[in-house]
């Protein structure tokens, strides 16, 4: 069953929405889960959805959880240069090329 979300066409399978045309872009999420968590993937040139990895360019998160948590992925590894690669609530985790660097707790002070 096809569903239109924000001008993009998705196929629904077990309540999960998959972008109908697997494109490498930062605009439309590749997957939208029933809880509204969104993922962006980079697909192989064959377009095979099984040959994908989490990736989003322009310093945008590759995973946006429905609760506001975010993760930055670059070619299948947690990575971010300009800030933490993972934000879970007030906990910020820094990764470079998939390697954990440090954790900070932001108490808003």
PDB file of N, CA and C in Angstrom:
ATOM      1  N   UNK A   1       0.834  -1.177   0.000  1.00  0.00           N
ATOM      2  CA  UNK A   1       0.000   0.000   0.000  1.00  0.00           C
ATOM      3  C   UNK A   1       0.881   1.244   0.000  1.00  0.00           C
ATOM      4  N   UNK A   2       0.633   2.149  -0.903  1.00  0.00           N
ATOM      5  CA  UNK A   2       1.410   3.387  -1.002  1.00  0.00           C
ATOM      6  C   UNK A   2       0.794   4.471  -0.128  1.00  0.00           C
ATOM      7  N   UNK A   3       1.667   5.267   0.487  1.00  0.00           N
ATOM      8  CA  UNK A   3       1.256   6.357   1.363  1.00  0.00           C
ATOM      9  C   UNK A   3       2.109   7.575   1.005  1.00  0.00           C
ATOM     10  N   UNK A   4       1.488   8.748   0.938  1.00  0.00           N
ATOM     11  CA  UNK A   4       2.215   9.987   0.671  1.00  0.00           C
ATOM     12  C   UNK A   4       2.458  10.700   1.998  1.00  0.00           C
ATOM     13  N   UNK A   5       3.728  11.014   2.275  1.00  0.00           N
ATOM     14  CA  UNK A   5       4.112  11.757   3.476  1.00  0.00           C
ATOM     15  C   UNK A   5       5.015  12.902   3.037  1.00  0.00           C
ATOM     16  N   UNK A   6       4.613  14.132   3.307  1.00  0.00           N
ATOM     17  CA  UNK A   6       5.410  15.312   2.939  1.00  0.00           C
ATOM     18  C   UNK A   6       5.863  15.263   1.482  1.00  0.00           C
ATOM     19  N   UNK A   7       4.961  14.935   0.583  1.00  0.00           N
ATOM     20  CA  UNK A   7       5.204  14.890  -0.866  1.00  0.00           C
ATOM     21  C   UNK A   7       6.130  13.766  -1.321  1.00  0.00           C
ATOM     22  N   UNK A   8       6.397  12.791  -0.462  1.00  0.00           N
ATOM     23  CA  UNK A   8       7.212  11.630  -0.847  1.00  0.00           C
ATOM     24  C   UNK A   8       6.341  10.384  -0.768  1.00  0.00           C
ATOM     25  N   UNK A   9       6.572   9.449  -1.692  1.00  0.00           N
ATOM     26  CA  UNK A   9       5.778   8.224  -1.760  1.00  0.00           C
ATOM     27  C   UNK A   9       6.481   7.103  -0.993  1.00  0.00           C
ATOM     28  N   UNK A  10       5.747   6.491  -0.077  1.00  0.00           N
ATOM     29  CA  UNK A  10       6.268   5.404   0.749  1.00  0.00           C
ATOM     30  C   UNK A  10       5.425   4.154   0.555  1.00  0.00           C
ATOM     31  N   UNK A  11       6.049   3.004   0.754  1.00  0.00           N
ATOM     32  CA  UNK A  11       5.349   1.725   0.804  1.00  0.00           C
ATOM     33  C   UNK A  11       5.267   1.304   2.262  1.00  0.00           C
ATOM     34  N   UNK A  12       4.085   0.839   2.692  1.00  0.00           N
ATOM     35  CA  UNK A  12       3.914   0.407   4.070  1.00  0.00           C
ATOM     36  C   UNK A  12       4.050  -1.107   4.159  1.00  0.00           C
ATOM     37  N   UNK A  13       4.830  -1.565   5.142  1.00  0.00           N
ATOM     38  CA  UNK A  13       5.010  -2.985   5.414  1.00  0.00           C
ATOM     39  C   UNK A  13       5.050  -3.168   6.925  1.00  0.00           C
ATOM     40  N   UNK A  14       4.060  -3.856   7.485  1.00  0.00           N
ATOM     41  CA  UNK A  14       3.952  -4.071   8.934  1.00  0.00           C
ATOM     42  C   UNK A  14       3.992  -2.761   9.716  1.00  0.00           C
ATOM     43  N   UNK A  15       3.365  -1.731   9.199  1.00  0.00           N
ATOM     44  CA  UNK A  15       3.287  -0.452   9.885  1.00  0.00           C
ATOM     45  C   UNK A  15       4.489   0.447   9.682  1.00  0.00           C
ATOM     46  N   UNK A  16       5.536  -0.062   9.043  1.00  0.00           N
ATOM     47  CA  UNK A  16       6.745   0.718   8.780  1.00  0.00           C
ATOM     48  C   UNK A  16       6.668   1.272   7.363  1.00  0.00           C
ATOM     49  N   UNK A  17       6.989   2.551   7.204  1.00  0.00           N
ATOM     50  CA  UNK A  17       6.976   3.188   5.885  1.00  0.00           C
ATOM     51  C   UNK A  17       8.382   3.188   5.299  1.00  0.00           C
ATOM     52  N   UNK A  18       8.498   2.722   4.060  1.00  0.00           N
ATOM     53  CA  UNK A  18       9.772   2.691   3.345  1.00  0.00           C
ATOM     54  C   UNK A  18       9.659   3.590   2.123  1.00  0.00           C
ATOM     55  N   UNK A  19      10.639   4.465   1.934  1.00  0.00           N
ATOM     56  CA  UNK A  19      10.634   5.355   0.783  1.00  0.00           C
ATOM     57  C   UNK A  19      10.529   4.526  -0.481  1.00  0.00           C
ATOM     58  N   UNK A  20       9.543   4.843  -1.313  1.00  0.00           N
ATOM     59  CA  UNK A  20       9.228   4.031  -2.489  1.00  0.00           C
ATOM     60  C   UNK A  20      10.367   4.004  -3.495  1.00  0.00           C
ATOM     61  N   UNK A  21      10.956   5.138  -3.765  1.00  0.00           N
ATOM     62  CA  UNK A  21      12.090   5.210  -4.681  1.00  0.00           C
ATOM     63  C   UNK A  21      13.312   5.467  -3.818  1.00  0.00           C
ATOM     64  N   UNK A  22      14.165   4.465  -3.732  1.00  0.00           N
ATOM     65  CA  UNK A  22      15.327   4.596  -2.863  1.00  0.00           C
ATOM     66  C   UNK A  22      16.323   5.564  -3.485  1.00  0.00           C
ATOM     67  N   UNK A  23      16.291   6.765  -2.978  1.00  0.00           N
ATOM     68  CA  UNK A  23      17.166   7.822  -3.461  1.00  0.00           C
ATOM     69  C   UNK A  23      18.123   8.197  -2.342  1.00  0.00           C
ATOM     70  N   UNK A  24      19.282   8.651  -2.718  1.00  0.00           N
ATOM     71  CA  UNK A  24      20.237   9.149  -1.742  1.00  0.00           C
ATOM     72  C   UNK A  24      20.005  10.645  -1.588  1.00  0.00           C
ATOM     73  N   UNK A  25      19.285  11.012  -0.532  1.00  0.00           N
ATOM     74  CA  UNK A  25      19.007  12.421  -0.320  1.00  0.00           C
ATOM     75  C   UNK A  25      18.923  12.712   1.160  1.00  0.00           C
ATOM     76  N   UNK A  26      18.968  13.976   1.503  1.00  0.00           N
ATOM     77  CA  UNK A  26      18.857  14.397   2.895  1.00  0.00           C
ATOM     78  C   UNK A  26      17.480  14.939   3.209  1.00  0.00           C
ATOM     79  N   UNK A  27      16.607  14.969   2.202  1.00  0.00           N
ATOM     80  CA  UNK A  27      15.303  15.589   2.391  1.00  0.00           C
ATOM     81  C   UNK A  27      14.308  14.620   3.015  1.00  0.00           C
ATOM     82  N   UNK A  28      14.090  13.484   2.366  1.00  0.00           N
ATOM     83  CA  UNK A  28      13.066  12.549   2.818  1.00  0.00           C
ATOM     84  C   UNK A  28      13.694  11.372   3.550  1.00  0.00           C
ATOM     85  N   UNK A  29      13.154  11.015   4.713  1.00  0.00           N
ATOM     86  CA  UNK A  29      13.682   9.838   5.402  1.00  0.00           C
ATOM     87  C   UNK A  29      13.431   8.576   4.588  1.00  0.00           C
ATOM     88  N   UNK A  30      14.363   7.626   4.674  1.00  0.00           N
ATOM     89  CA  UNK A  30      14.228   6.349   3.971  1.00  0.00           C
ATOM     90  C   UNK A  30      13.216   5.449   4.654  1.00  0.00           C
ATOM     91  N   UNK A  31      13.142   5.566   5.989  1.00  0.00           N
ATOM     92  CA  UNK A  31      12.260   4.713   6.780  1.00  0.00           C
ATOM     93  C   UNK A  31      11.576   5.572   7.835  1.00  0.00           C
ATOM     94  N   UNK A  32      10.272   5.362   8.015  1.00  0.00           N
ATOM     95  CA  UNK A  32       9.521   6.002   9.095  1.00  0.00           C
ATOM     96  C   UNK A  32       8.815   4.892   9.865  1.00  0.00           C
ATOM     97  N   UNK A  33       9.141   4.764  11.149  1.00  0.00           N
ATOM     98  CA  UNK A  33       8.551   3.724  11.992  1.00  0.00           C
ATOM     99  C   UNK A  33       7.209   4.189  12.559  1.00  0.00           C
ATOM    100  N   UNK A  34       6.385   3.254  13.028  1.00  0.00           N
ATOM    101  CA  UNK A  34       5.069   3.635  13.561  1.00  0.00           C
ATOM    102  C   UNK A  34       5.136   4.678  14.680  1.00  0.00           C
ATOM    103  N   UNK A  35       6.222   4.675  15.475  1.00  0.00           N
ATOM    104  CA  UNK A  35       6.343   5.664  16.557  1.00  0.00           C
ATOM    105  C   UNK A  35       6.870   7.010  16.057  1.00  0.00           C
ATOM    106  N   UNK A  36       7.028   7.149  14.722  1.00  0.00           N
ATOM    107  CA  UNK A  36       7.482   8.377  14.035  1.00  0.00           C
ATOM    108  C   UNK A  36       8.999   8.577  14.073  1.00  0.00           C
ATOM    109  N   UNK A  37       9.768   7.590  14.531  1.00  0.00           N
ATOM    110  CA  UNK A  37      11.220   7.646  14.398  1.00  0.00           C
ATOM    111  C   UNK A  37      11.565   7.584  12.918  1.00  0.00           C
ATOM    112  N   UNK A  38      12.546   8.399  12.495  1.00  0.00           N
ATOM    113  CA  UNK A  38      12.911   8.492  11.076  1.00  0.00           C
ATOM    114  C   UNK A  38      14.386   8.149  10.888  1.00  0.00           C
ATOM    115  N   UNK A  39      14.685   7.444   9.776  1.00  0.00           N
ATOM    116  CA  UNK A  39      16.060   7.095   9.427  1.00  0.00           C
ATOM    117  C   UNK A  39      16.356   7.499   7.987  1.00  0.00           C
ATOM    118  N   UNK A  40      17.581   7.957   7.759  1.00  0.00           N
ATOM    119  CA  UNK A  40      18.069   8.266   6.419  1.00  0.00           C
ATOM    120  C   UNK A  40      19.175   7.273   6.080  1.00  0.00           C
ATOM    121  N   UNK A  41      19.100   6.693   4.892  1.00  0.00           N
ATOM    122  CA  UNK A  41      20.068   5.684   4.464  1.00  0.00           C
ATOM    123  C   UNK A  41      20.721   6.096   3.156  1.00  0.00           C
ATOM    124  N   UNK A  42      21.942   5.638   2.974  1.00  0.00           N
ATOM    125  CA  UNK A  42      22.641   5.749   1.701  1.00  0.00           C
ATOM    126  C   UNK A  42      22.552   4.384   1.045  1.00  0.00           C
ATOM    127  N   UNK A  43      22.061   4.335  -0.180  1.00  0.00           N
ATOM    128  CA  UNK A  43      21.840   3.067  -0.871  1.00  0.00           C
ATOM    129  C   UNK A  43      22.927   2.817  -1.894  1.00  0.00           C
ATOM    130  N   UNK A  44      23.190   1.536  -2.117  1.00  0.00           N
ATOM    131  CA  UNK A  44      24.157   1.168  -3.151  1.00  0.00           C
ATOM    132  C   UNK A  44      23.611   1.597  -4.506  1.00  0.00           C
ATOM    133  N   UNK A  45      24.452   1.661  -5.484  1.00  0.00           N
ATOM    134  CA  UNK A  45      24.013   2.089  -6.809  1.00  0.00           C
ATOM    135  C   UNK A  45      23.015   1.118  -7.415  1.00  0.00           C
ATOM    136  N   UNK A  46      22.987  -0.121  -6.918  1.00  0.00           N
ATOM    137  CA  UNK A  46      22.009  -1.091  -7.428  1.00  0.00           C
ATOM    138  C   UNK A  46      20.608  -0.772  -6.933  1.00  0.00           C
ATOM    139  N   UNK A  47      20.514   0.067  -5.877  1.00  0.00           N
ATOM    140  CA  UNK A  47      19.214   0.401  -5.315  1.00  0.00           C
ATOM    141  C   UNK A  47      18.668  -0.671  -4.399  1.00  0.00           C
ATOM    142  N   UNK A  48      19.449  -1.706  -4.129  1.00  0.00           N
ATOM    143  CA  UNK A  48      19.022  -2.792  -3.250  1.00  0.00           C
ATOM    144  C   UNK A  48      18.920  -2.268  -1.820  1.00  0.00           C
ATOM    145  N   UNK A  49      17.711  -2.283  -1.213  1.00  0.00           N
ATOM    146  CA  UNK A  49      17.565  -1.755   0.144  1.00  0.00           C
ATOM    147  C   UNK A  49      18.364  -2.535   1.181  1.00  0.00           C
ATOM    148  N   UNK A  50      18.755  -3.769   0.861  1.00  0.00           N
ATOM    149  CA  UNK A  50      19.566  -4.542   1.796  1.00  0.00           C
ATOM    150  C   UNK A  50      21.026  -4.102   1.770  1.00  0.00           C
ATOM    151  N   UNK A  51      21.393  -3.320   0.771  1.00  0.00           N
ATOM    152  CA  UNK A  51      22.764  -2.820   0.636  1.00  0.00           C
ATOM    153  C   UNK A  51      22.788  -1.333   0.992  1.00  0.00           C
ATOM    154  N   UNK A  52      22.281  -1.001   2.162  1.00  0.00           N
ATOM    155  CA  UNK A  52      22.223   0.399   2.567  1.00  0.00           C
ATOM    156  C   UNK A  52      22.962   0.588   3.881  1.00  0.00           C
ATOM    157  N   UNK A  53      23.257   1.837   4.182  1.00  0.00           N
ATOM    158  CA  UNK A  53      23.884   2.171   5.453  1.00  0.00           C
ATOM    159  C   UNK A  53      23.322   3.504   5.920  1.00  0.00           C
ATOM    160  N   UNK A  54      23.301   3.694   7.228  1.00  0.00           N
ATOM    161  CA  UNK A  54      22.853   4.965   7.764  1.00  0.00           C
ATOM    162  C   UNK A  54      23.812   6.056   7.310  1.00  0.00           C
ATOM    163  N   UNK A  55      23.246   7.148   6.812  1.00  0.00           N
ATOM    164  CA  UNK A  55      24.067   8.253   6.321  1.00  0.00           C
ATOM    165  C   UNK A  55      23.164   9.449   6.055  1.00  0.00           C
ATOM    166  N   UNK A  56      23.647  10.620   6.439  1.00  0.00           N
ATOM    167  CA  UNK A  56      22.963  11.854   6.060  1.00  0.00           C
ATOM    168  C   UNK A  56      23.994  12.966   6.005  1.00  0.00           C
ATOM    169  N   UNK A  57      23.932  13.767   4.986  1.00  0.00           N
ATOM    170  CA  UNK A  57      24.930  14.817   4.781  1.00  0.00           C
ATOM    171  C   UNK A  57      24.457  16.147   5.360  1.00  0.00           C
ATOM    172  N   UNK A  58      25.266  17.166   5.169  1.00  0.00           N
ATOM    173  CA  UNK A  58      24.963  18.543   5.587  1.00  0.00           C
ATOM    174  C   UNK A  58      24.771  18.687   7.091  1.00  0.00           C
ATOM    175  N   UNK A  59      25.512  17.894   7.871  1.00  0.00           N
ATOM    176  CA  UNK A  59      25.467  17.940   9.337  1.00  0.00           C
ATOM    177  C   UNK A  59      24.046  17.782   9.880  1.00  0.00           C
ATOM    178  N   UNK A  60      23.281  16.891   9.242  1.00  0.00           N
ATOM    179  CA  UNK A  60      21.928  16.575   9.696  1.00  0.00           C
ATOM    180  C   UNK A  60      21.921  15.163  10.276  1.00  0.00           C
ATOM    181  N   UNK A  61      21.097  14.898  11.288  1.00  0.00           N
ATOM    182  CA  UNK A  61      21.088  13.564  11.892  1.00  0.00           C
ATOM    183  C   UNK A  61      20.506  12.515  10.950  1.00  0.00           C
ATOM    184  N   UNK A  62      21.094  11.314  10.981  1.00  0.00           N
ATOM    185  CA  UNK A  62      20.605  10.193  10.169  1.00  0.00           C
ATOM    186  C   UNK A  62      19.480   9.459  10.872  1.00  0.00           C
ATOM    187  N   UNK A  63      19.369   9.633  12.185  1.00  0.00           N
ATOM    188  CA  UNK A  63      18.241   9.073  12.934  1.00  0.00           C
ATOM    189  C   UNK A  63      17.653  10.187  13.785  1.00  0.00           C
ATOM    190  N   UNK A  64      16.361  10.389  13.647  1.00  0.00           N
ATOM    191  CA  UNK A  64      15.612  11.317  14.501  1.00  0.00           C
ATOM    192  C   UNK A  64      14.554  10.496  15.220  1.00  0.00           C
ATOM    193  N   UNK A  65      14.769  10.280  16.506  1.00  0.00           N
ATOM    194  CA  UNK A  65      13.819   9.499  17.291  1.00  0.00           C
ATOM    195  C   UNK A  65      12.590  10.337  17.615  1.00  0.00           C
ATOM    196  N   UNK A  66      11.483   9.673  17.822  1.00  0.00           N
ATOM    197  CA  UNK A  66      10.225  10.378  18.087  1.00  0.00           C
ATOM    198  C   UNK A  66      10.285  11.177  19.387  1.00  0.00           C
ATOM    199  N   UNK A  67      11.178  10.813  20.310  1.00  0.00           N
ATOM    200  CA  UNK A  67      11.293  11.538  21.580  1.00  0.00           C
ATOM    201  C   UNK A  67      12.255  12.719  21.496  1.00  0.00           C
ATOM    202  N   UNK A  68      12.835  12.970  20.302  1.00  0.00           N
ATOM    203  CA  UNK A  68      13.742  14.094  20.113  1.00  0.00           C
ATOM    204  C   UNK A  68      15.212  13.724  20.135  1.00  0.00           C
ATOM    205  N   UNK A  69      15.555  12.500  20.531  1.00  0.00           N
ATOM    206  CA  UNK A  69      16.946  12.050  20.486  1.00  0.00           C
ATOM    207  C   UNK A  69      17.409  11.998  19.036  1.00  0.00           C
ATOM    208  N   UNK A  70      18.737  12.150  18.824  1.00  0.00           N
ATOM    209  CA  UNK A  70      19.271  12.189  17.458  1.00  0.00           C
ATOM    210  C   UNK A  70      20.612  11.478  17.384  1.00  0.00           C
ATOM    211  N   UNK A  71      20.891  10.910  16.202  1.00  0.00           N
ATOM    212  CA  UNK A  71      22.182  10.288  15.933  1.00  0.00           C
ATOM    213  C   UNK A  71      22.668  10.725  14.555  1.00  0.00           C
ATOM    214  N   UNK A  72      23.949  11.079  14.470  1.00  0.00           N
ATOM    215  CA  UNK A  72      24.582  11.452  13.213  1.00  0.00           C
ATOM    216  C   UNK A  72      25.419  10.273  12.732  1.00  0.00           C
ATOM    217  N   UNK A  73      25.204   9.871  11.498  1.00  0.00           N
ATOM    218  CA  UNK A  73      25.951   8.764  10.889  1.00  0.00           C
ATOM    219  C   UNK A  73      26.522   9.232   9.571  1.00  0.00           C
ATOM    220  N   UNK A  74      27.729   8.758   9.269  1.00  0.00           N
ATOM    221  CA  UNK A  74      28.408   9.097   8.022  1.00  0.00           C
ATOM    222  C   UNK A  74      28.929   7.804   7.418  1.00  0.00           C
ATOM    223  N   UNK A  75      28.341   7.413   6.313  1.00  0.00           N
ATOM    224  CA  UNK A  75      28.707   6.170   5.623  1.00  0.00           C
ATOM    225  C   UNK A  75      28.735   4.969   6.572  1.00  0.00           C
ATOM    226  N   UNK A  76      27.676   4.832   7.366  1.00  0.00           N
ATOM    227  CA  UNK A  76      27.504   3.656   8.205  1.00  0.00           C
ATOM    228  C   UNK A  76      28.212   3.676   9.540  1.00  0.00           C
ATOM    229  N   UNK A  77      28.868   4.779   9.905  1.00  0.00           N
ATOM    230  CA  UNK A  77      29.509   4.871  11.216  1.00  0.00           C
ATOM    231  C   UNK A  77      29.054   6.138  11.919  1.00  0.00           C
ATOM    232  N   UNK A  78      28.962   6.059  13.242  1.00  0.00           N
ATOM    233  CA  UNK A  78      28.640   7.256  14.010  1.00  0.00           C
ATOM    234  C   UNK A  78      29.802   8.227  13.850  1.00  0.00           C
ATOM    235  N   UNK A  79      29.467   9.438  13.443  1.00  0.00           N
ATOM    236  CA  UNK A  79      30.529  10.409  13.174  1.00  0.00           C
ATOM    237  C   UNK A  79      29.918  11.800  13.079  1.00  0.00           C
ATOM    238  N   UNK A  80      30.603  12.737  13.714  1.00  0.00           N
ATOM    239  CA  UNK A  80      30.227  14.144  13.563  1.00  0.00           C
ATOM    240  C   UNK A  80      31.417  14.998  13.959  1.00  0.00           C
ATOM    241  N   UNK A  81      31.712  16.005  13.165  1.00  0.00           N
ATOM    242  CA  UNK A  81      32.848  16.879  13.420  1.00  0.00           C
ATOM    243  C   UNK A  81      32.422  18.093  14.234  1.00  0.00           C
ATOM    244  N   UNK A  82      31.231  18.614  13.987  1.00  0.00           N
ATOM    245  CA  UNK A  82      30.808  19.896  14.558  1.00  0.00           C
ATOM    246  C   UNK A  82      30.080  19.789  15.888  1.00  0.00           C
ATOM    247  N   UNK A  83      29.994  18.594  16.466  1.00  0.00           N
ATOM    248  CA  UNK A  83      29.298  18.429  17.732  1.00  0.00           C
ATOM    249  C   UNK A  83      29.171  16.963  18.076  1.00  0.00           C
ATOM    250  N   UNK A  84      28.352  16.647  19.067  1.00  0.00           N
ATOM    251  CA  UNK A  84      28.183  15.243  19.441  1.00  0.00           C
ATOM    252  C   UNK A  84      27.466  14.467  18.338  1.00  0.00           C
ATOM    253  N   UNK A  85      27.853  13.207  18.159  1.00  0.00           N
ATOM    254  CA  UNK A  85      27.231  12.358  17.139  1.00  0.00           C
ATOM    255  C   UNK A  85      25.968  11.697  17.658  1.00  0.00           C
ATOM    256  N   UNK A  86      25.797  11.673  18.969  1.00  0.00           N
ATOM    257  CA  UNK A  86      24.610  11.070  19.571  1.00  0.00           C
ATOM    258  C   UNK A  86      24.116  11.997  20.669  1.00  0.00           C
ATOM    259  N   UNK A  87      22.836  12.310  20.621  1.00  0.00           N
ATOM    260  CA  UNK A  87      22.206  13.096  21.678  1.00  0.00           C
ATOM    261  C   UNK A  87      21.003  12.314  22.175  1.00  0.00           C
ATOM    262  N   UNK A  88      21.120  11.818  23.406  1.00  0.00           N
ATOM    263  CA  UNK A  88      20.024  11.123  24.081  1.00  0.00           C
ATOM    264  C   UNK A  88      19.644  11.970  25.286  1.00  0.00           C
ATOM    265  N   UNK A  89      18.601  12.752  25.147  1.00  0.00           N
ATOM    266  CA  UNK A  89      18.201  13.639  26.233  1.00  0.00           C
ATOM    267  C   UNK A  89      19.311  14.635  26.527  1.00  0.00           C
ATOM    268  N   UNK A  90      19.773  14.659  27.786  1.00  0.00           N
ATOM    269  CA  UNK A  90      20.836  15.593  28.158  1.00  0.00           C
ATOM    270  C   UNK A  90      22.228  14.966  28.047  1.00  0.00           C
ATOM    271  N   UNK A  91      22.318  13.744  27.529  1.00  0.00           N
ATOM    272  CA  UNK A  91      23.609  13.069  27.366  1.00  0.00           C
ATOM    273  C   UNK A  91      24.082  13.222  25.926  1.00  0.00           C
ATOM    274  N   UNK A  92      25.315  13.705  25.783  1.00  0.00           N
ATOM    275  CA  UNK A  92      25.905  13.936  24.468  1.00  0.00           C
ATOM    276  C   UNK A  92      27.125  13.035  24.320  1.00  0.00           C
ATOM    277  N   UNK A  93      27.138  12.249  23.248  1.00  0.00           N
ATOM    278  CA  UNK A  93      28.227  11.311  22.992  1.00  0.00           C
ATOM    279  C   UNK A  93      28.955  11.742  21.725  1.00  0.00           C
ATOM    280  N   UNK A  94      30.250  11.857  21.823  1.00  0.00           N
ATOM    281  CA  UNK A  94      31.083  12.304  20.710  1.00  0.00           C
ATOM    282  C   UNK A  94      31.737  11.093  20.065  1.00  0.00           C
ATOM    283  N   UNK A  95      31.612  10.989  18.743  1.00  0.00           N
ATOM    284  CA  UNK A  95      32.228   9.919  17.964  1.00  0.00           C
ATOM    285  C   UNK A  95      32.951  10.533  16.776  1.00  0.00           C
ATOM    286  N   UNK A  96      34.050   9.915  16.400  1.00  0.00           N
ATOM    287  CA  UNK A  96      34.749  10.285  15.168  1.00  0.00           C
ATOM    288  C   UNK A  96      35.082   8.994  14.439  1.00  0.00           C
ATOM    289  N   UNK A  97      34.625   8.885  13.211  1.00  0.00           N
ATOM    290  CA  UNK A  97      34.851   7.686  12.391  1.00  0.00           C
ATOM    291  C   UNK A  97      34.430   6.408  13.116  1.00  0.00           C
ATOM    292  N   UNK A  98      33.340   6.481  13.876  1.00  0.00           N
ATOM    293  CA  UNK A  98      32.819   5.319  14.573  1.00  0.00           C
ATOM    294  C   UNK A  98      33.452   5.049  15.920  1.00  0.00           C
ATOM    295  N   UNK A  99      34.480   5.811  16.284  1.00  0.00           N
ATOM    296  CA  UNK A  99      35.176   5.605  17.553  1.00  0.00           C
ATOM    297  C   UNK A  99      34.650   6.565  18.608  1.00  0.00           C
ATOM    298  N   UNK A 100      34.313   6.023  19.780  1.00  0.00           N
ATOM    299  CA  UNK A 100      33.824   6.830  20.885  1.00  0.00           C
ATOM    300  C   UNK A 100      34.943   7.733  21.390  1.00  0.00           C
ATOM    301  N   UNK A 101      34.636   9.016  21.574  1.00  0.00           N
ATOM    302  CA  UNK A 101      35.618   9.989  22.052  1.00  0.00           C
ATOM    303  C   UNK A 101      35.337  10.379  23.503  1.00  0.00           C
ATOM    304  N   UNK A 102      34.116  10.828  23.773  1.00  0.00           N
ATOM    305  CA  UNK A 102      33.775  11.256  25.132  1.00  0.00           C
ATOM    306  C   UNK A 102      32.270  11.370  25.284  1.00  0.00           C
ATOM    307  N   UNK A 103      31.826  11.495  26.558  1.00  0.00           N
ATOM    308  CA  UNK A 103      30.425  11.733  26.867  1.00  0.00           C
ATOM    309  C   UNK A 103      30.335  12.975  27.743  1.00  0.00           C
ATOM    310  N   UNK A 104      29.323  13.774  27.515  1.00  0.00           N
ATOM    311  CA  UNK A 104      29.060  14.947  28.340  1.00  0.00           C
ATOM    312  C   UNK A 104      27.605  14.914  28.776  1.00  0.00           C
ATOM    313  N   UNK A 105      27.345  15.420  29.962  1.00  0.00           N
ATOM    314  CA  UNK A 105      25.967  15.575  30.429  1.00  0.00           C
ATOM    315  C   UNK A 105      25.677  17.065  30.478  1.00  0.00           C
ATOM    316  N   UNK A 106      24.655  17.478  29.751  1.00  0.00           N
ATOM    317  CA  UNK A 106      24.277  18.880  29.663  1.00  0.00           C
ATOM    318  C   UNK A 106      23.116  19.110  30.622  1.00  0.00           C
ATOM    319  N   UNK A 107      23.397  19.780  31.730  1.00  0.00           N
ATOM    320  CA  UNK A 107      22.351  20.064  32.714  1.00  0.00           C
ATOM    321  C   UNK A 107      21.699  21.414  32.493  1.00  0.00           C
ATOM    322  N   UNK A 108      22.010  22.043  31.366  1.00  0.00           N
ATOM    323  CA  UNK A 108      21.390  23.321  31.040  1.00  0.00           C
ATOM    324  C   UNK A 108      21.925  24.476  31.845  1.00  0.00           C
ATOM    325  N   UNK A 109      23.076  24.311  32.442  1.00  0.00           N
ATOM    326  CA  UNK A 109      23.661  25.393  33.244  1.00  0.00           C
ATOM    327  C   UNK A 109      24.558  26.263  32.417  1.00  0.00           C
TER     328      UNK A 109
END
